[in-house]
């Protein structure tokens, strides 16, 4: 191992930790231990990525310069606190997690003995295989760390060929809420649309949604509210009423409810940016309420 390189261990044999560790190993760091999983398939995947690296128990995975904690969000603090109770953390050691919802507060037990807390979050879904390393190239990565540790955190991100973006500790929860709203809820919306198309007798409904969804995301990011189209933006109240009634008649009450709530949010957005007049906005909201 070259001078200045780190010995890295991973707590959590899921899809994220072993991949990031692989990226840093390619940069010249040394992966010395990864915790074993109760799932044999996860262990097989980890060993394929890191041949020869021992799989160990959690309490044996902290003898490293950088300890990567990639357990589930709610388990980060209990794991860090539990290891702290065992005297596992050391001054100068880097303790790093990849949860979007938390900053470094969940690492306070390690920080209290002089460890360096870092929170990194790549906003992407991981497969757990090497293809993720290609997808990390030029990917923005949210970085939260004490000021003195920011250069270390940024350097670690650059070594993955990704781009560090500082997110302050007090903004971390809002940051993650935004990503969840824009990604997970979009996933739900698309699945609802596919289901409704299926109820309408459309075969392979995914083929109809894919081009619309792709263009919509592109226009939303490039044009903002200016790219907004559809019956709300046109104040087509008759169409809106018909849509909700047709969804309800098909027994898709949950989708009708989602449609109505998002149409109201869209109308408010259009009003704020003057794509709808006050009168048009009132007409749209009234039509939605009457259709319910």
Protein backbone atom coordinates (compact mmCIF):
# COMPACT_ATOMS: atom_id res chain seq x y z
CA UNK A 1 0.00 0.00 0.00
CA UNK A 2 1.34 3.45 -0.97
CA UNK A 3 2.14 6.05 1.72
CA UNK A 4 -0.93 8.11 2.62
CA UNK A 5 -3.29 5.34 1.63
CA UNK A 6 -5.97 4.16 4.07
CA UNK A 7 -6.91 0.78 5.51
CA UNK A 8 -10.68 0.54 5.03
CA UNK A 9 -13.29 -1.68 6.69
CA UNK A 10 -16.99 -1.89 5.89
CA UNK A 11 -19.82 -2.47 8.36
CA UNK A 12 -22.77 -3.58 6.26
CA UNK A 13 -22.53 -6.00 3.34
CA UNK A 14 -25.35 -4.41 1.34
CA UNK A 15 -25.17 -2.78 -2.07
CA UNK A 16 -23.46 0.51 -1.17
CA UNK A 17 -20.57 -0.06 1.22
CA UNK A 18 -18.68 -2.78 -0.68
CA UNK A 19 -19.01 -0.76 -3.92
CA UNK A 20 -17.57 2.42 -2.44
CA UNK A 21 -14.83 0.38 -0.82
CA UNK A 22 -14.09 -1.15 -4.23
CA UNK A 23 -13.78 2.32 -5.74
CA UNK A 24 -11.35 3.39 -3.06
CA UNK A 25 -9.40 0.14 -3.45
CA UNK A 26 -8.98 0.96 -7.15
CA UNK A 27 -7.58 4.33 -6.00
CA UNK A 28 -4.92 2.52 -4.00
CA UNK A 29 -6.46 2.13 -0.56
CA UNK A 30 -6.63 -1.28 1.11
CA UNK A 31 -9.90 -2.96 2.13
CA UNK A 32 -9.09 -5.03 5.20
CA UNK A 33 -12.47 -6.33 6.43
CA UNK A 34 -16.18 -6.43 5.59
CA UNK A 35 -18.87 -7.65 7.93
CA UNK A 36 -20.51 -10.89 6.95
CA UNK A 37 -24.21 -10.96 6.09
CA UNK A 38 -26.88 -13.44 7.13
CA UNK A 39 -27.67 -13.67 3.42
CA UNK A 40 -25.26 -16.07 1.65
CA UNK A 41 -25.90 -14.34 -1.70
CA UNK A 42 -24.69 -11.03 -0.26
CA UNK A 43 -21.56 -12.72 1.02
CA UNK A 44 -20.93 -14.25 -2.39
CA UNK A 45 -21.33 -10.85 -4.06
CA UNK A 46 -18.96 -9.18 -1.60
CA UNK A 47 -16.33 -11.88 -2.05
CA UNK A 48 -16.60 -11.55 -5.83
CA UNK A 49 -15.94 -7.81 -5.49
CA UNK A 50 -13.26 -8.19 -2.83
CA UNK A 51 -11.53 -11.57 -3.23
CA UNK A 52 -9.41 -12.45 -0.24
CA UNK A 53 -10.88 -9.79 2.07
CA UNK A 54 -12.05 -11.46 5.30
CA UNK A 55 -15.72 -11.41 6.30
CA UNK A 56 -15.91 -10.64 10.02
CA UNK A 57 -18.32 -9.88 12.85
CA UNK A 58 -19.25 -6.25 13.43
CA UNK A 59 -17.12 -5.85 16.56
CA UNK A 60 -14.09 -7.01 14.56
CA UNK A 61 -14.56 -4.50 11.75
CA UNK A 62 -13.26 -1.32 13.36
CA UNK A 63 -9.49 -1.89 13.18
CA UNK A 64 -9.03 0.42 10.20
CA UNK A 65 -8.19 4.01 9.30
CA UNK A 66 -11.60 4.47 7.67
CA UNK A 67 -14.66 2.61 8.86
CA UNK A 68 -17.55 2.75 6.41
CA UNK A 69 -20.90 2.27 8.20
CA UNK A 70 -23.51 1.31 5.60
CA UNK A 71 -26.25 -0.32 7.64
CA UNK A 72 -29.90 0.80 7.34
CA UNK A 73 -30.63 4.43 8.20
CA UNK A 74 -32.21 3.77 11.58
CA UNK A 75 -29.42 1.41 12.63
CA UNK A 76 -26.45 3.75 12.08
CA UNK A 77 -26.63 5.44 15.48
CA UNK A 78 -27.29 2.21 17.46
CA UNK A 79 -24.37 0.49 15.73
CA UNK A 80 -22.01 3.43 16.27
CA UNK A 81 -23.14 3.85 19.89
CA UNK A 82 -22.85 0.13 20.57
CA UNK A 83 -19.33 -0.02 19.20
CA UNK A 84 -18.50 3.08 21.21
CA UNK A 85 -19.57 1.23 24.34
CA UNK A 86 -17.03 -1.44 23.45
CA UNK A 87 -14.27 1.17 23.11
CA UNK A 88 -13.96 0.48 19.39
CA UNK A 89 -13.43 4.04 18.13
CA UNK A 90 -10.02 5.72 18.07
CA UNK A 91 -8.77 9.31 17.77
CA UNK A 92 -8.03 10.28 14.18
CA UNK A 93 -9.99 7.39 12.73
CA UNK A 94 -12.47 8.31 9.96
CA UNK A 95 -16.01 7.05 10.58
CA UNK A 96 -18.18 7.55 7.51
CA UNK A 97 -21.79 6.77 6.63
CA UNK A 98 -23.75 7.13 3.36
CA UNK A 99 -27.30 7.82 4.60
CA UNK A 100 -28.97 10.77 2.91
CA UNK A 101 -31.25 11.60 5.80
CA UNK A 102 -28.54 12.09 8.44
CA UNK A 103 -25.56 14.34 8.80
CA UNK A 104 -22.76 13.57 11.22
CA UNK A 105 -24.95 13.77 14.33
CA UNK A 106 -25.46 10.00 14.34
CA UNK A 107 -21.68 9.61 14.63
CA UNK A 108 -21.37 11.69 17.81
CA UNK A 109 -20.23 8.74 19.93
CA UNK A 110 -17.23 8.24 17.64
CA UNK A 111 -16.59 11.98 17.41
CA UNK A 112 -16.53 12.22 21.24
CA UNK A 113 -13.32 10.16 21.39
CA UNK A 114 -11.61 12.04 18.56
CA UNK A 115 -12.75 10.13 15.48
CA UNK A 116 -13.44 12.14 12.30
CA UNK A 117 -17.15 12.00 11.33
CA UNK A 118 -18.13 12.22 7.66
CA UNK A 119 -21.48 11.77 5.90
CA UNK A 120 -21.44 11.14 2.14
CA UNK A 121 -24.54 10.51 0.04
CA UNK A 122 -24.48 9.67 -3.68
CA UNK A 123 -28.05 10.29 -4.96
CA UNK A 124 -28.37 7.11 -6.98
CA UNK A 125 -29.70 3.59 -6.61
CA UNK A 126 -27.00 0.95 -6.25
CA UNK A 127 -27.08 -2.53 -7.78
CA UNK A 128 -24.19 -3.76 -5.64
CA UNK A 129 -22.09 -4.62 -8.69
CA UNK A 130 -19.16 -2.90 -10.41
CA UNK A 131 -21.43 -1.12 -12.91
CA UNK A 132 -22.18 1.27 -10.05
CA UNK A 133 -18.62 2.58 -10.20
CA UNK A 134 -19.22 3.76 -13.77
CA UNK A 135 -22.46 5.45 -12.73
CA UNK A 136 -20.63 7.26 -9.94
CA UNK A 137 -18.40 9.07 -12.44
CA UNK A 138 -19.37 12.79 -12.35
CA UNK A 139 -22.25 11.99 -9.98
CA UNK A 140 -22.84 14.73 -7.38
CA UNK A 141 -22.24 13.49 -3.84
CA UNK A 142 -23.63 15.32 -0.80
CA UNK A 143 -20.84 15.95 1.71
CA UNK A 144 -21.42 16.83 5.37
CA UNK A 145 -18.49 17.04 7.77
CA UNK A 146 -16.85 19.38 10.28
CA UNK A 147 -14.91 22.14 8.53
CA UNK A 148 -11.57 20.58 9.43
CA UNK A 149 -12.63 17.27 7.82
CA UNK A 150 -14.13 18.69 4.60
CA UNK A 151 -10.89 18.38 2.59
CA UNK A 152 -10.70 14.68 3.54
CA UNK A 153 -14.33 14.09 2.59
CA UNK A 154 -13.96 15.93 -0.70
CA UNK A 155 -10.80 14.03 -1.56
CA UNK A 156 -12.56 10.72 -0.95
CA UNK A 157 -15.34 11.74 -3.34
CA UNK A 158 -12.88 12.86 -6.02
CA UNK A 159 -11.14 9.49 -5.76
CA UNK A 160 -14.43 7.92 -6.87
CA UNK A 161 -14.40 10.32 -9.88
CA UNK A 162 -17.54 11.91 -8.45
CA UNK A 163 -18.25 15.55 -7.56
CA UNK A 164 -18.54 16.63 -3.91
CA UNK A 165 -21.28 19.12 -3.01
CA UNK A 166 -21.38 20.46 0.55
CA UNK A 167 -24.74 20.10 2.34
CA UNK A 168 -24.83 21.70 5.77
CA UNK A 169 -25.74 19.56 8.77
CA UNK A 170 -28.99 21.42 9.48
CA UNK A 171 -30.12 21.03 5.85
CA UNK A 172 -29.51 17.30 5.61
CA UNK A 173 -33.08 16.26 6.47
CA UNK A 174 -34.61 18.68 3.96
CA UNK A 175 -32.09 17.56 1.34
CA UNK A 176 -33.17 13.95 1.73
CA UNK A 177 -36.89 14.79 1.85
CA UNK A 178 -36.49 16.55 -1.52
CA UNK A 179 -34.77 13.56 -3.11
CA UNK A 180 -37.35 11.14 -1.73
CA UNK A 181 -40.21 13.29 -2.99
CA UNK A 182 -38.66 13.65 -6.43
CA UNK A 183 -37.65 10.02 -6.87
CA UNK A 184 -39.65 7.57 -4.74
CA UNK A 185 -42.93 9.43 -5.18
CA UNK A 186 -42.31 9.74 -8.91
CA UNK A 187 -41.87 5.97 -8.95
CA UNK A 188 -45.27 5.58 -7.27
CA UNK A 189 -46.88 8.01 -9.71
CA UNK A 190 -45.52 6.15 -12.74
CA UNK A 191 -46.73 2.79 -11.41
CA UNK A 192 -50.19 4.29 -10.83
CA UNK A 193 -50.27 5.58 -14.41
CA UNK A 194 -49.20 2.17 -15.76
CA UNK A 195 -51.96 0.52 -13.72
CA UNK A 196 -54.61 2.93 -15.02
CA UNK A 197 -53.51 2.36 -18.61
CA UNK A 198 -53.82 -1.37 -18.04
CA UNK A 199 -57.37 -0.87 -16.77
CA UNK A 200 -58.04 1.05 -20.00
CA UNK A 201 -57.09 -2.05 -21.98
CA UNK A 202 -53.72 -0.75 -23.15
CA UNK A 203 -51.21 -3.53 -23.75
CA UNK A 204 -47.62 -2.86 -22.67
CA UNK A 205 -48.56 0.40 -20.94
CA UNK A 206 -44.94 1.04 -20.03
CA UNK A 207 -44.28 1.87 -23.70
CA UNK A 208 -46.72 4.78 -23.47
CA UNK A 209 -45.41 6.17 -20.20
CA UNK A 210 -41.67 5.96 -20.91
CA UNK A 211 -41.42 8.66 -23.63
CA UNK A 212 -43.77 11.01 -21.77
CA UNK A 213 -42.02 10.58 -18.44
CA UNK A 214 -38.56 11.02 -19.96
CA UNK A 215 -39.50 14.23 -21.77
CA UNK A 216 -41.34 15.53 -18.70
CA UNK A 217 -38.30 15.10 -16.47
CA UNK A 218 -36.07 16.71 -19.11
CA UNK A 219 -38.38 19.72 -19.54
CA UNK A 220 -38.95 20.16 -15.82
CA UNK A 221 -35.20 20.35 -15.22
CA UNK A 222 -34.41 22.53 -18.25
CA UNK A 223 -37.49 24.80 -18.46
CA UNK A 224 -38.92 24.81 -14.95
CA UNK A 225 -42.55 25.88 -14.71
CA UNK A 226 -42.33 27.16 -18.27
CA UNK A 227 -42.42 23.57 -19.51
CA UNK A 228 -45.65 22.75 -17.69
CA UNK A 229 -48.36 21.36 -19.98
CA UNK A 230 -51.65 19.50 -19.58
CA UNK A 231 -55.22 20.27 -18.52
CA UNK A 232 -54.28 22.12 -15.33
CA UNK A 233 -51.95 24.52 -17.14
CA UNK A 234 -54.67 25.07 -19.76
CA UNK A 235 -57.45 25.36 -17.16
CA UNK A 236 -59.40 22.63 -18.98
CA UNK A 237 -61.84 22.09 -16.13
CA UNK A 238 -64.08 19.72 -18.05
CA UNK A 239 -61.16 17.40 -18.76
CA UNK A 240 -60.06 17.45 -15.13
CA UNK A 241 -63.56 16.58 -13.90
CA UNK A 242 -63.86 13.79 -16.45
CA UNK A 243 -60.48 12.32 -15.52
CA UNK A 244 -61.33 12.00 -11.84
CA UNK A 245 -64.77 10.58 -12.55
CA UNK A 246 -63.38 8.03 -15.01
CA UNK A 247 -60.74 6.90 -12.52
CA UNK A 248 -63.37 6.51 -9.81
CA UNK A 249 -65.71 4.61 -12.16
CA UNK A 250 -62.87 2.18 -12.91
CA UNK A 251 -62.49 1.48 -9.19
CA UNK A 252 -59.19 3.34 -9.05
CA UNK A 253 -60.13 5.54 -6.12
CA UNK A 254 -56.57 5.71 -4.77
CA UNK A 255 -55.29 6.96 -8.12
CA UNK A 256 -58.17 9.45 -8.36
CA UNK A 257 -57.17 10.82 -4.96
CA UNK A 258 -53.53 11.15 -6.01
CA UNK A 259 -54.60 12.80 -9.27
CA UNK A 260 -56.73 15.36 -7.46
CA UNK A 261 -54.07 16.24 -4.89
CA UNK A 262 -51.32 16.61 -7.50
CA UNK A 263 -53.63 18.62 -9.77
CA UNK A 264 -54.26 21.01 -6.89
CA UNK A 265 -50.52 21.30 -6.24
CA UNK A 266 -49.92 21.87 -9.98
CA UNK A 267 -52.58 24.58 -10.07
CA UNK A 268 -51.00 26.36 -7.10
CA UNK A 269 -47.59 26.19 -8.79
CA UNK A 270 -49.05 27.55 -12.04
CA UNK A 271 -50.77 30.38 -10.18
CA UNK A 272 -47.60 31.35 -8.34
CA UNK A 273 -45.73 31.63 -11.64
CA UNK A 274 -48.68 33.32 -13.40
CA UNK A 275 -49.37 30.53 -15.83
CA UNK A 276 -52.92 30.63 -14.47
CA UNK A 277 -54.91 33.72 -13.61
CA UNK A 278 -56.65 33.98 -10.25
CA UNK A 279 -59.97 33.22 -11.93
CA UNK A 280 -58.58 30.19 -13.76
CA UNK A 281 -57.07 28.88 -10.56
CA UNK A 282 -60.40 29.14 -8.76
CA UNK A 283 -62.14 27.37 -11.64
CA UNK A 284 -59.61 24.51 -11.59
CA UNK A 285 -59.89 24.00 -7.82
CA UNK A 286 -63.69 24.15 -7.95
CA UNK A 287 -63.79 21.57 -10.76
CA UNK A 288 -61.54 19.22 -8.78
CA UNK A 289 -63.64 19.54 -5.64
CA UNK A 290 -66.90 19.01 -7.52
CA UNK A 291 -65.56 15.92 -9.26
CA UNK A 292 -64.67 14.21 -5.97
